[in-house]
């Protein structure tokens, strides 16, 4: 009896690649976290600094910068919500460097996480 494994492996590989190249989805808690460029009020509590990231391994550096930055922002918002925060202040994304053209580096976004009333 001959078993044809190739179609099953092909489907598994496609699902793996699709999962690795998709951007980070925003959780329901992450949806309640907002970005601001104004210093939060003194009634807000600084919880710490965080960095969110989105892997560009399969999509590459040219695979859609806005999509990978959106994924990094979603990851940052999700992680801020897990910390108990609801505001991210001073979010920045490091600039591309010389290696970005040669290797698909992760997109990153950092900011200060606050819990505001």
PDB file of N, CA and C in Angstrom:
ATOM      1  N   UNK A   1       0.848  -1.164   0.000  1.00  0.00           N
ATOM      2  CA  UNK A   1       0.000   0.000   0.000  1.00  0.00           C
ATOM      3  C   UNK A   1       0.898   1.233   0.000  1.00  0.00           C
ATOM      4  N   UNK A   2       0.586   2.158  -0.887  1.00  0.00           N
ATOM      5  CA  UNK A   2       1.383   3.369  -1.022  1.00  0.00           C
ATOM      6  C   UNK A   2       0.610   4.545  -0.424  1.00  0.00           C
ATOM      7  N   UNK A   3       1.248   5.293   0.466  1.00  0.00           N
ATOM      8  CA  UNK A   3       0.611   6.457   1.090  1.00  0.00           C
ATOM      9  C   UNK A   3       1.224   7.715   0.485  1.00  0.00           C
ATOM     10  N   UNK A   4       0.363   8.575   0.020  1.00  0.00           N
ATOM     11  CA  UNK A   4       0.823   9.821  -0.579  1.00  0.00           C
ATOM     12  C   UNK A   4       0.844  10.914   0.491  1.00  0.00           C
ATOM     13  N   UNK A   5       2.022  11.248   0.982  1.00  0.00           N
ATOM     14  CA  UNK A   5       2.186  12.190   2.072  1.00  0.00           C
ATOM     15  C   UNK A   5       2.398  13.618   1.564  1.00  0.00           C
ATOM     16  N   UNK A   6       2.830  13.767   0.328  1.00  0.00           N
ATOM     17  CA  UNK A   6       3.182  15.075  -0.205  1.00  0.00           C
ATOM     18  C   UNK A   6       2.061  16.106  -0.114  1.00  0.00           C
ATOM     19  N   UNK A   7       0.811  15.793  -0.485  1.00  0.00           N
ATOM     20  CA  UNK A   7      -0.237  16.813  -0.358  1.00  0.00           C
ATOM     21  C   UNK A   7      -0.452  17.280   1.089  1.00  0.00           C
ATOM     22  N   UNK A   8      -0.395  16.372   2.025  1.00  0.00           N
ATOM     23  CA  UNK A   8      -0.560  16.755   3.433  1.00  0.00           C
ATOM     24  C   UNK A   8       0.570  17.641   3.919  1.00  0.00           C
ATOM     25  N   UNK A   9       1.798  17.326   3.515  1.00  0.00           N
ATOM     26  CA  UNK A   9       2.944  18.149   3.907  1.00  0.00           C
ATOM     27  C   UNK A   9       2.877  19.527   3.255  1.00  0.00           C
ATOM     28  N   UNK A  10       2.407  19.595   2.031  1.00  0.00           N
ATOM     29  CA  UNK A  10       2.294  20.878   1.340  1.00  0.00           C
ATOM     30  C   UNK A  10       1.299  21.790   2.048  1.00  0.00           C
ATOM     31  N   UNK A  11       0.168  21.252   2.446  1.00  0.00           N
ATOM     32  CA  UNK A  11      -0.839  22.036   3.157  1.00  0.00           C
ATOM     33  C   UNK A  11      -0.291  22.502   4.504  1.00  0.00           C
ATOM     34  N   UNK A  12       0.398  21.619   5.219  1.00  0.00           N
ATOM     35  CA  UNK A  12       0.971  21.982   6.517  1.00  0.00           C
ATOM     36  C   UNK A  12       2.006  23.097   6.360  1.00  0.00           C
ATOM     37  N   UNK A  13       2.835  23.004   5.330  1.00  0.00           N
ATOM     38  CA  UNK A  13       3.852  24.040   5.098  1.00  0.00           C
ATOM     39  C   UNK A  13       3.208  25.379   4.757  1.00  0.00           C
ATOM     40  N   UNK A  14       2.159  25.371   3.952  1.00  0.00           N
ATOM     41  CA  UNK A  14       1.461  26.620   3.614  1.00  0.00           C
ATOM     42  C   UNK A  14       0.825  27.258   4.827  1.00  0.00           C
ATOM     43  N   UNK A  15       0.221  26.444   5.686  1.00  0.00           N
ATOM     44  CA  UNK A  15      -0.381  26.988   6.910  1.00  0.00           C
ATOM     45  C   UNK A  15       0.678  27.574   7.830  1.00  0.00           C
ATOM     46  N   UNK A  16       1.823  26.925   7.922  1.00  0.00           N
ATOM     47  CA  UNK A  16       2.914  27.427   8.750  1.00  0.00           C
ATOM     48  C   UNK A  16       3.414  28.765   8.219  1.00  0.00           C
ATOM     49  N   UNK A  17       3.626  28.853   6.930  1.00  0.00           N
ATOM     50  CA  UNK A  17       4.097  30.104   6.333  1.00  0.00           C
ATOM     51  C   UNK A  17       3.072  31.214   6.481  1.00  0.00           C
ATOM     52  N   UNK A  18       1.816  30.906   6.299  1.00  0.00           N
ATOM     53  CA  UNK A  18       0.770  31.920   6.443  1.00  0.00           C
ATOM     54  C   UNK A  18       0.705  32.424   7.878  1.00  0.00           C
ATOM     55  N   UNK A  19       0.843  31.534   8.826  1.00  0.00           N
ATOM     56  CA  UNK A  19       0.806  31.939  10.229  1.00  0.00           C
ATOM     57  C   UNK A  19       2.003  32.776  10.618  1.00  0.00           C
ATOM     58  N   UNK A  20       3.158  32.507  10.045  1.00  0.00           N
ATOM     59  CA  UNK A  20       4.363  33.241  10.410  1.00  0.00           C
ATOM     60  C   UNK A  20       4.432  34.606   9.754  1.00  0.00           C
ATOM     61  N   UNK A  21       3.763  34.794   8.628  1.00  0.00           N
ATOM     62  CA  UNK A  21       3.877  36.059   7.921  1.00  0.00           C
ATOM     63  C   UNK A  21       2.730  37.008   8.225  1.00  0.00           C
ATOM     64  N   UNK A  22       1.744  36.585   8.983  1.00  0.00           N
ATOM     65  CA  UNK A  22       0.621  37.469   9.280  1.00  0.00           C
ATOM     66  C   UNK A  22       0.983  38.404  10.420  1.00  0.00           C
ATOM     67  N   UNK A  23       0.323  39.543  10.449  1.00  0.00           N
ATOM     68  CA  UNK A  23       0.648  40.493  11.506  1.00  0.00           C
ATOM     69  C   UNK A  23      -0.074  40.102  12.797  1.00  0.00           C
ATOM     70  N   UNK A  24       0.445  40.621  13.892  1.00  0.00           N
ATOM     71  CA  UNK A  24      -0.109  40.344  15.213  1.00  0.00           C
ATOM     72  C   UNK A  24      -1.520  40.917  15.299  1.00  0.00           C
ATOM     73  N   UNK A  25      -2.457  40.113  15.774  1.00  0.00           N
ATOM     74  CA  UNK A  25      -3.821  40.596  15.918  1.00  0.00           C
ATOM     75  C   UNK A  25      -3.981  41.296  17.257  1.00  0.00           C
ATOM     76  N   UNK A  26      -4.858  42.247  17.282  1.00  0.00           N
ATOM     77  CA  UNK A  26      -5.110  43.043  18.475  1.00  0.00           C
ATOM     78  C   UNK A  26      -6.138  42.336  19.342  1.00  0.00           C
ATOM     79  N   UNK A  27      -5.790  42.114  20.606  1.00  0.00           N
ATOM     80  CA  UNK A  27      -6.711  41.471  21.535  1.00  0.00           C
ATOM     81  C   UNK A  27      -7.802  42.450  21.953  1.00  0.00           C
ATOM     82  N   UNK A  28      -8.855  41.951  22.577  1.00  0.00           N
ATOM     83  CA  UNK A  28      -9.924  42.847  23.034  1.00  0.00           C
ATOM     84  C   UNK A  28      -9.407  43.801  24.100  1.00  0.00           C
ATOM     85  N   UNK A  29      -8.511  43.339  24.978  1.00  0.00           N
ATOM     86  CA  UNK A  29      -7.911  44.220  25.989  1.00  0.00           C
ATOM     87  C   UNK A  29      -6.991  45.235  25.321  1.00  0.00           C
ATOM     88  N   UNK A  30      -6.253  44.805  24.309  1.00  0.00           N
ATOM     89  CA  UNK A  30      -5.355  45.696  23.579  1.00  0.00           C
ATOM     90  C   UNK A  30      -6.091  46.809  22.852  1.00  0.00           C
ATOM     91  N   UNK A  31      -7.340  46.556  22.457  1.00  0.00           N
ATOM     92  CA  UNK A  31      -8.136  47.572  21.769  1.00  0.00           C
ATOM     93  C   UNK A  31      -8.444  48.764  22.665  1.00  0.00           C
ATOM     94  N   UNK A  32      -8.376  48.565  23.977  1.00  0.00           N
ATOM     95  CA  UNK A  32      -8.669  49.655  24.918  1.00  0.00           C
ATOM     96  C   UNK A  32      -7.428  50.485  25.256  1.00  0.00           C
ATOM     97  N   UNK A  33      -6.280  50.106  24.720  1.00  0.00           N
ATOM     98  CA  UNK A  33      -5.034  50.845  24.955  1.00  0.00           C
ATOM     99  C   UNK A  33      -4.868  51.860  23.832  1.00  0.00           C
ATOM    100  N   UNK A  34      -4.584  53.110  24.220  1.00  0.00           N
ATOM    101  CA  UNK A  34      -4.434  54.180  23.230  1.00  0.00           C
ATOM    102  C   UNK A  34      -3.008  54.725  23.240  1.00  0.00           C
ATOM    103  N   UNK A  35      -2.621  55.306  22.116  1.00  0.00           N
ATOM    104  CA  UNK A  35      -1.339  55.987  21.987  1.00  0.00           C
ATOM    105  C   UNK A  35      -1.561  57.478  22.198  1.00  0.00           C
ATOM    106  N   UNK A  36      -0.581  58.142  22.805  1.00  0.00           N
ATOM    107  CA  UNK A  36      -0.640  59.586  22.955  1.00  0.00           C
ATOM    108  C   UNK A  36       0.753  60.167  22.778  1.00  0.00           C
ATOM    109  N   UNK A  37       0.805  61.404  22.286  1.00  0.00           N
ATOM    110  CA  UNK A  37       2.081  62.095  22.182  1.00  0.00           C
ATOM    111  C   UNK A  37       2.185  63.224  23.209  1.00  0.00           C
ATOM    112  N   UNK A  38       1.191  63.322  24.083  1.00  0.00           N
ATOM    113  CA  UNK A  38       1.208  64.304  25.158  1.00  0.00           C
ATOM    114  C   UNK A  38       1.478  63.587  26.473  1.00  0.00           C
ATOM    115  N   UNK A  39       2.329  64.204  27.293  1.00  0.00           N
ATOM    116  CA  UNK A  39       2.662  63.616  28.590  1.00  0.00           C
ATOM    117  C   UNK A  39       1.384  63.329  29.374  1.00  0.00           C
ATOM    118  N   UNK A  40       1.182  62.095  29.835  1.00  0.00           N
ATOM    119  CA  UNK A  40      -0.009  61.779  30.627  1.00  0.00           C
ATOM    120  C   UNK A  40      -0.069  62.622  31.906  1.00  0.00           C
ATOM    121  N   UNK A  41      -1.283  62.826  32.397  1.00  0.00           N
ATOM    122  CA  UNK A  41      -1.523  63.640  33.593  1.00  0.00           C
ATOM    123  C   UNK A  41      -0.820  63.039  34.801  1.00  0.00           C
ATOM    124  N   UNK A  42      -0.631  63.866  35.819  1.00  0.00           N
ATOM    125  CA  UNK A  42       0.040  63.395  37.040  1.00  0.00           C
ATOM    126  C   UNK A  42      -0.783  62.333  37.773  1.00  0.00           C
ATOM    127  N   UNK A  43      -2.065  62.244  37.456  1.00  0.00           N
ATOM    128  CA  UNK A  43      -2.911  61.214  38.073  1.00  0.00           C
ATOM    129  C   UNK A  43      -2.671  59.829  37.457  1.00  0.00           C
ATOM    130  N   UNK A  44      -1.913  59.778  36.365  1.00  0.00           N
ATOM    131  CA  UNK A  44      -1.592  58.501  35.712  1.00  0.00           C
ATOM    132  C   UNK A  44      -0.349  57.889  36.353  1.00  0.00           C
ATOM    133  N   UNK A  45      -0.325  56.579  36.394  1.00  0.00           N
ATOM    134  CA  UNK A  45       0.788  55.845  37.002  1.00  0.00           C
ATOM    135  C   UNK A  45       1.643  55.214  35.907  1.00  0.00           C
ATOM    136  N   UNK A  46       2.948  55.520  35.925  1.00  0.00           N
ATOM    137  CA  UNK A  46       3.882  54.905  34.988  1.00  0.00           C
ATOM    138  C   UNK A  46       4.113  53.456  35.400  1.00  0.00           C
ATOM    139  N   UNK A  47       3.834  52.528  34.486  1.00  0.00           N
ATOM    140  CA  UNK A  47       4.031  51.099  34.771  1.00  0.00           C
ATOM    141  C   UNK A  47       5.364  50.580  34.263  1.00  0.00           C
ATOM    142  N   UNK A  48       5.930  51.262  33.276  1.00  0.00           N
ATOM    143  CA  UNK A  48       7.219  50.826  32.742  1.00  0.00           C
ATOM    144  C   UNK A  48       7.327  51.044  31.251  1.00  0.00           C
ATOM    145  N   UNK A  49       8.444  50.630  30.700  1.00  0.00           N
ATOM    146  CA  UNK A  49       8.702  50.713  29.265  1.00  0.00           C
ATOM    147  C   UNK A  49       8.502  49.338  28.638  1.00  0.00           C
ATOM    148  N   UNK A  50       7.963  49.342  27.427  1.00  0.00           N
ATOM    149  CA  UNK A  50       7.719  48.084  26.710  1.00  0.00           C
ATOM    150  C   UNK A  50       8.144  48.221  25.259  1.00  0.00           C
ATOM    151  N   UNK A  51       8.427  47.092  24.647  1.00  0.00           N
ATOM    152  CA  UNK A  51       8.686  47.023  23.214  1.00  0.00           C
ATOM    153  C   UNK A  51       7.819  45.934  22.616  1.00  0.00           C
ATOM    154  N   UNK A  52       7.129  46.270  21.552  1.00  0.00           N
ATOM    155  CA  UNK A  52       6.357  45.288  20.791  1.00  0.00           C
ATOM    156  C   UNK A  52       7.105  44.986  19.506  1.00  0.00           C
ATOM    157  N   UNK A  53       6.926  43.798  18.966  1.00  0.00           N
ATOM    158  CA  UNK A  53       7.638  43.452  17.736  1.00  0.00           C
ATOM    159  C   UNK A  53       6.767  42.622  16.808  1.00  0.00           C
ATOM    160  N   UNK A  54       7.143  42.652  15.554  1.00  0.00           N
ATOM    161  CA  UNK A  54       6.478  41.868  14.510  1.00  0.00           C
ATOM    162  C   UNK A  54       7.574  41.235  13.674  1.00  0.00           C
ATOM    163  N   UNK A  55       7.560  39.938  13.555  1.00  0.00           N
ATOM    164  CA  UNK A  55       8.570  39.234  12.779  1.00  0.00           C
ATOM    165  C   UNK A  55       8.370  39.485  11.289  1.00  0.00           C
ATOM    166  N   UNK A  56       9.462  39.742  10.590  1.00  0.00           N
ATOM    167  CA  UNK A  56       9.431  39.930   9.138  1.00  0.00           C
ATOM    168  C   UNK A  56      10.180  38.813   8.431  1.00  0.00           C
ATOM    169  N   UNK A  57      10.361  37.693   9.114  1.00  0.00           N
ATOM    170  CA  UNK A  57      11.203  36.635   8.566  1.00  0.00           C
ATOM    171  C   UNK A  57      10.711  36.130   7.210  1.00  0.00           C
ATOM    172  N   UNK A  58       9.405  35.858   7.082  1.00  0.00           N
ATOM    173  CA  UNK A  58       8.916  35.304   5.820  1.00  0.00           C
ATOM    174  C   UNK A  58       8.491  36.380   4.839  1.00  0.00           C
ATOM    175  N   UNK A  59       8.042  37.534   5.335  1.00  0.00           N
ATOM    176  CA  UNK A  59       7.612  38.584   4.421  1.00  0.00           C
ATOM    177  C   UNK A  59       8.774  39.431   3.949  1.00  0.00           C
ATOM    178  N   UNK A  60       9.892  39.438   4.699  1.00  0.00           N
ATOM    179  CA  UNK A  60      11.060  40.213   4.321  1.00  0.00           C
ATOM    180  C   UNK A  60      10.896  41.667   4.682  1.00  0.00           C
ATOM    181  N   UNK A  61      11.967  42.406   4.572  1.00  0.00           N
ATOM    182  CA  UNK A  61      11.954  43.819   4.930  1.00  0.00           C
ATOM    183  C   UNK A  61      11.069  44.608   3.989  1.00  0.00           C
ATOM    184  N   UNK A  62      10.926  44.160   2.758  1.00  0.00           N
ATOM    185  CA  UNK A  62      10.098  44.875   1.803  1.00  0.00           C
ATOM    186  C   UNK A  62       8.684  44.333   1.740  1.00  0.00           C
ATOM    187  N   UNK A  63       8.272  43.525   2.687  1.00  0.00           N
ATOM    188  CA  UNK A  63       6.976  42.880   2.660  1.00  0.00           C
ATOM    189  C   UNK A  63       5.839  43.732   3.179  1.00  0.00           C
ATOM    190  N   UNK A  64       6.009  45.013   3.218  1.00  0.00           N
ATOM    191  CA  UNK A  64       4.939  45.878   3.675  1.00  0.00           C
ATOM    192  C   UNK A  64       5.266  46.494   5.016  1.00  0.00           C
ATOM    193  N   UNK A  65       5.994  47.615   4.978  1.00  0.00           N
ATOM    194  CA  UNK A  65       6.446  48.230   6.226  1.00  0.00           C
ATOM    195  C   UNK A  65       5.284  48.643   7.096  1.00  0.00           C
ATOM    196  N   UNK A  66       4.209  49.179   6.488  1.00  0.00           N
ATOM    197  CA  UNK A  66       3.082  49.624   7.307  1.00  0.00           C
ATOM    198  C   UNK A  66       2.417  48.440   7.998  1.00  0.00           C
ATOM    199  N   UNK A  67       2.354  47.303   7.336  1.00  0.00           N
ATOM    200  CA  UNK A  67       1.757  46.116   7.940  1.00  0.00           C
ATOM    201  C   UNK A  67       2.607  45.601   9.095  1.00  0.00           C
ATOM    202  N   UNK A  68       3.924  45.580   8.926  1.00  0.00           N
ATOM    203  CA  UNK A  68       4.780  45.074   9.998  1.00  0.00           C
ATOM    204  C   UNK A  68       4.818  46.053  11.170  1.00  0.00           C
ATOM    205  N   UNK A  69       4.762  47.360  10.911  1.00  0.00           N
ATOM    206  CA  UNK A  69       4.696  48.332  12.001  1.00  0.00           C
ATOM    207  C   UNK A  69       3.361  48.246  12.722  1.00  0.00           C
ATOM    208  N   UNK A  70       2.298  47.979  11.977  1.00  0.00           N
ATOM    209  CA  UNK A  70       0.983  47.796  12.607  1.00  0.00           C
ATOM    210  C   UNK A  70       1.009  46.580  13.516  1.00  0.00           C
ATOM    211  N   UNK A  71       1.654  45.515  13.077  1.00  0.00           N
ATOM    212  CA  UNK A  71       1.787  44.316  13.904  1.00  0.00           C
ATOM    213  C   UNK A  71       2.588  44.594  15.164  1.00  0.00           C
ATOM    214  N   UNK A  72       3.669  45.392  15.045  1.00  0.00           N
ATOM    215  CA  UNK A  72       4.472  45.755  16.219  1.00  0.00           C
ATOM    216  C   UNK A  72       3.650  46.619  17.172  1.00  0.00           C
ATOM    217  N   UNK A  73       2.849  47.539  16.617  1.00  0.00           N
ATOM    218  CA  UNK A  73       1.986  48.390  17.454  1.00  0.00           C
ATOM    219  C   UNK A  73       0.930  47.549  18.158  1.00  0.00           C
ATOM    220  N   UNK A  74       0.356  46.580  17.453  1.00  0.00           N
ATOM    221  CA  UNK A  74      -0.635  45.693  18.075  1.00  0.00           C
ATOM    222  C   UNK A  74      -0.011  44.875  19.193  1.00  0.00           C
ATOM    223  N   UNK A  75       1.196  44.378  18.970  1.00  0.00           N
ATOM    224  CA  UNK A  75       1.888  43.615  20.005  1.00  0.00           C
ATOM    225  C   UNK A  75       2.164  44.498  21.221  1.00  0.00           C
ATOM    226  N   UNK A  76       2.578  45.739  20.971  1.00  0.00           N
ATOM    227  CA  UNK A  76       2.830  46.676  22.066  1.00  0.00           C
ATOM    228  C   UNK A  76       1.550  46.956  22.850  1.00  0.00           C
ATOM    229  N   UNK A  77       0.446  47.169  22.157  1.00  0.00           N
ATOM    230  CA  UNK A  77      -0.839  47.420  22.836  1.00  0.00           C
ATOM    231  C   UNK A  77      -1.301  46.206  23.632  1.00  0.00           C
ATOM    232  N   UNK A  78      -1.159  45.006  23.058  1.00  0.00           N
ATOM    233  CA  UNK A  78      -1.544  43.784  23.770  1.00  0.00           C
ATOM    234  C   UNK A  78      -0.714  43.598  25.038  1.00  0.00           C
ATOM    235  N   UNK A  79       0.586  43.819  24.939  1.00  0.00           N
ATOM    236  CA  UNK A  79       1.469  43.643  26.090  1.00  0.00           C
ATOM    237  C   UNK A  79       1.211  44.714  27.151  1.00  0.00           C
ATOM    238  N   UNK A  80       0.896  45.940  26.721  1.00  0.00           N
ATOM    239  CA  UNK A  80       0.569  47.015  27.671  1.00  0.00           C
ATOM    240  C   UNK A  80      -0.697  46.660  28.441  1.00  0.00           C
ATOM    241  N   UNK A  81      -1.682  46.104  27.749  1.00  0.00           N
ATOM    242  CA  UNK A  81      -2.930  45.700  28.409  1.00  0.00           C
ATOM    243  C   UNK A  81      -2.659  44.599  29.432  1.00  0.00           C
ATOM    244  N   UNK A  82      -1.780  43.659  29.096  1.00  0.00           N
ATOM    245  CA  UNK A  82      -1.431  42.587  30.029  1.00  0.00           C
ATOM    246  C   UNK A  82      -0.766  43.141  31.292  1.00  0.00           C
ATOM    247  N   UNK A  83      -0.066  44.266  31.159  1.00  0.00           N
ATOM    248  CA  UNK A  83       0.580  44.924  32.304  1.00  0.00           C
ATOM    249  C   UNK A  83      -0.422  45.696  33.149  1.00  0.00           C
ATOM    250  N   UNK A  84      -1.618  45.923  32.598  1.00  0.00           N
ATOM    251  CA  UNK A  84      -2.617  46.720  33.301  1.00  0.00           C
ATOM    252  C   UNK A  84      -2.669  48.150  32.824  1.00  0.00           C
ATOM    253  N   UNK A  85      -1.945  48.473  31.768  1.00  0.00           N
ATOM    254  CA  UNK A  85      -1.921  49.835  31.242  1.00  0.00           C
ATOM    255  C   UNK A  85      -3.034  50.103  30.255  1.00  0.00           C
ATOM    256  N   UNK A  86      -3.312  51.401  30.041  1.00  0.00           N
ATOM    257  CA  UNK A  86      -4.317  51.783  29.049  1.00  0.00           C
ATOM    258  C   UNK A  86      -3.857  52.941  28.170  1.00  0.00           C
ATOM    259  N   UNK A  87      -2.626  53.437  28.393  1.00  0.00           N
ATOM    260  CA  UNK A  87      -2.073  54.522  27.580  1.00  0.00           C
ATOM    261  C   UNK A  87      -0.608  54.222  27.292  1.00  0.00           C
ATOM    262  N   UNK A  88      -0.193  54.447  26.034  1.00  0.00           N
ATOM    263  CA  UNK A  88       1.217  54.336  25.649  1.00  0.00           C
ATOM    264  C   UNK A  88       1.668  55.723  25.214  1.00  0.00           C
ATOM    265  N   UNK A  89       2.702  56.215  25.879  1.00  0.00           N
ATOM    266  CA  UNK A  89       3.215  57.548  25.616  1.00  0.00           C
ATOM    267  C   UNK A  89       4.582  57.466  24.933  1.00  0.00           C
ATOM    268  N   UNK A  90       4.788  58.352  23.958  1.00  0.00           N
ATOM    269  CA  UNK A  90       6.095  58.472  23.319  1.00  0.00           C
ATOM    270  C   UNK A  90       6.509  57.262  22.517  1.00  0.00           C
ATOM    271  N   UNK A  91       5.569  56.649  21.814  1.00  0.00           N
ATOM    272  CA  UNK A  91       5.900  55.463  21.017  1.00  0.00           C
ATOM    273  C   UNK A  91       6.855  55.834  19.889  1.00  0.00           C
ATOM    274  N   UNK A  92       7.904  55.037  19.757  1.00  0.00           N
ATOM    275  CA  UNK A  92       8.884  55.235  18.695  1.00  0.00           C
ATOM    276  C   UNK A  92       9.199  53.898  18.048  1.00  0.00           C
ATOM    277  N   UNK A  93       9.673  53.984  16.832  1.00  0.00           N
ATOM    278  CA  UNK A  93      10.116  52.800  16.119  1.00  0.00           C
ATOM    279  C   UNK A  93      11.533  53.063  15.636  1.00  0.00           C
ATOM    280  N   UNK A  94      12.475  52.184  15.985  1.00  0.00           N
ATOM    281  CA  UNK A  94      13.858  52.404  15.544  1.00  0.00           C
ATOM    282  C   UNK A  94      13.933  52.489  14.023  1.00  0.00           C
ATOM    283  N   UNK A  95      14.824  53.331  13.538  1.00  0.00           N
ATOM    284  CA  UNK A  95      14.977  53.487  12.095  1.00  0.00           C
ATOM    285  C   UNK A  95      15.636  52.256  11.498  1.00  0.00           C
ATOM    286  N   UNK A  96      15.431  52.086  10.208  1.00  0.00           N
ATOM    287  CA  UNK A  96      16.061  50.979   9.496  1.00  0.00           C
ATOM    288  C   UNK A  96      17.566  51.199   9.483  1.00  0.00           C
ATOM    289  N   UNK A  97      18.328  50.119   9.515  1.00  0.00           N
ATOM    290  CA  UNK A  97      19.778  50.246   9.436  1.00  0.00           C
ATOM    291  C   UNK A  97      20.278  49.549   8.177  1.00  0.00           C
ATOM    292  N   UNK A  98      21.581  49.526   7.997  1.00  0.00           N
ATOM    293  CA  UNK A  98      22.175  48.961   6.786  1.00  0.00           C
ATOM    294  C   UNK A  98      21.837  47.484   6.608  1.00  0.00           C
ATOM    295  N   UNK A  99      21.647  46.764   7.715  1.00  0.00           N
ATOM    296  CA  UNK A  99      21.356  45.330   7.619  1.00  0.00           C
ATOM    297  C   UNK A  99      19.937  45.062   7.171  1.00  0.00           C
ATOM    298  N   UNK A 100      19.043  46.028   7.271  1.00  0.00           N
ATOM    299  CA  UNK A 100      17.640  45.826   6.918  1.00  0.00           C
ATOM    300  C   UNK A 100      17.463  45.423   5.461  1.00  0.00           C
ATOM    301  N   UNK A 101      18.338  45.910   4.602  1.00  0.00           N
ATOM    302  CA  UNK A 101      18.241  45.564   3.190  1.00  0.00           C
ATOM    303  C   UNK A 101      18.695  44.146   2.883  1.00  0.00           C
ATOM    304  N   UNK A 102      19.471  43.546   3.771  1.00  0.00           N
ATOM    305  CA  UNK A 102      20.009  42.217   3.532  1.00  0.00           C
ATOM    306  C   UNK A 102      19.279  41.113   4.279  1.00  0.00           C
ATOM    307  N   UNK A 103      18.723  41.452   5.430  1.00  0.00           N
ATOM    308  CA  UNK A 103      18.074  40.436   6.270  1.00  0.00           C
ATOM    309  C   UNK A 103      16.722  40.956   6.738  1.00  0.00           C
ATOM    310  N   UNK A 104      15.713  40.103   6.731  1.00  0.00           N
ATOM    311  CA  UNK A 104      14.375  40.518   7.184  1.00  0.00           C
ATOM    312  C   UNK A 104      14.315  40.616   8.702  1.00  0.00           C
ATOM    313  N   UNK A 105      14.641  41.797   9.225  1.00  0.00           N
ATOM    314  CA  UNK A 105      14.659  42.007  10.665  1.00  0.00           C
ATOM    315  C   UNK A 105      13.254  42.258  11.191  1.00  0.00           C
ATOM    316  N   UNK A 106      13.079  42.067  12.488  1.00  0.00           N
ATOM    317  CA  UNK A 106      11.792  42.336  13.128  1.00  0.00           C
ATOM    318  C   UNK A 106      11.523  43.836  13.143  1.00  0.00           C
ATOM    319  N   UNK A 107      10.251  44.203  13.012  1.00  0.00           N
ATOM    320  CA  UNK A 107       9.833  45.584  13.223  1.00  0.00           C
ATOM    321  C   UNK A 107       9.554  45.728  14.706  1.00  0.00           C
ATOM    322  N   UNK A 108       9.962  46.850  15.283  1.00  0.00           N
ATOM    323  CA  UNK A 108       9.788  47.066  16.723  1.00  0.00           C
ATOM    324  C   UNK A 108       9.180  48.433  16.970  1.00  0.00           C
ATOM    325  N   UNK A 109       8.443  48.525  18.076  1.00  0.00           N
ATOM    326  CA  UNK A 109       7.879  49.780  18.532  1.00  0.00           C
ATOM    327  C   UNK A 109       7.951  49.793  20.046  1.00  0.00           C
ATOM    328  N   UNK A 110       8.459  50.890  20.602  1.00  0.00           N
ATOM    329  CA  UNK A 110       8.630  51.010  22.050  1.00  0.00           C
ATOM    330  C   UNK A 110       7.891  52.220  22.576  1.00  0.00           C
ATOM    331  N   UNK A 111       7.523  52.171  23.853  1.00  0.00           N
ATOM    332  CA  UNK A 111       6.871  53.301  24.481  1.00  0.00           C
ATOM    333  C   UNK A 111       6.744  53.092  25.985  1.00  0.00           C
ATOM    334  N   UNK A 112       6.346  54.161  26.668  1.00  0.00           N
ATOM    335  CA  UNK A 112       6.105  54.105  28.110  1.00  0.00           C
ATOM    336  C   UNK A 112       4.639  53.762  28.340  1.00  0.00           C
ATOM    337  N   UNK A 113       4.402  52.821  29.239  1.00  0.00           N
ATOM    338  CA  UNK A 113       3.041  52.359  29.527  1.00  0.00           C
ATOM    339  C   UNK A 113       2.554  53.006  30.814  1.00  0.00           C
ATOM    340  N   UNK A 114       1.355  53.594  30.738  1.00  0.00           N
ATOM    341  CA  UNK A 114       0.721  54.245  31.884  1.00  0.00           C
ATOM    342  C   UNK A 114      -0.638  53.634  32.143  1.00  0.00           C
ATOM    343  N   UNK A 115      -1.039  53.712  33.401  1.00  0.00           N
ATOM    344  CA  UNK A 115      -2.403  53.366  33.789  1.00  0.00           C
ATOM    345  C   UNK A 115      -3.044  54.677  34.234  1.00  0.00           C
ATOM    346  N   UNK A 116      -4.032  55.108  33.457  1.00  0.00           N
ATOM    347  CA  UNK A 116      -4.718  56.374  33.735  1.00  0.00           C
ATOM    348  C   UNK A 116      -6.162  56.114  34.139  1.00  0.00           C
ATOM    349  N   UNK A 117      -6.661  56.966  35.055  1.00  0.00           N
ATOM    350  CA  UNK A 117      -8.065  56.785  35.484  1.00  0.00           C
ATOM    351  C   UNK A 117      -9.050  57.143  34.370  1.00  0.00           C
TER     352      UNK A 117
END
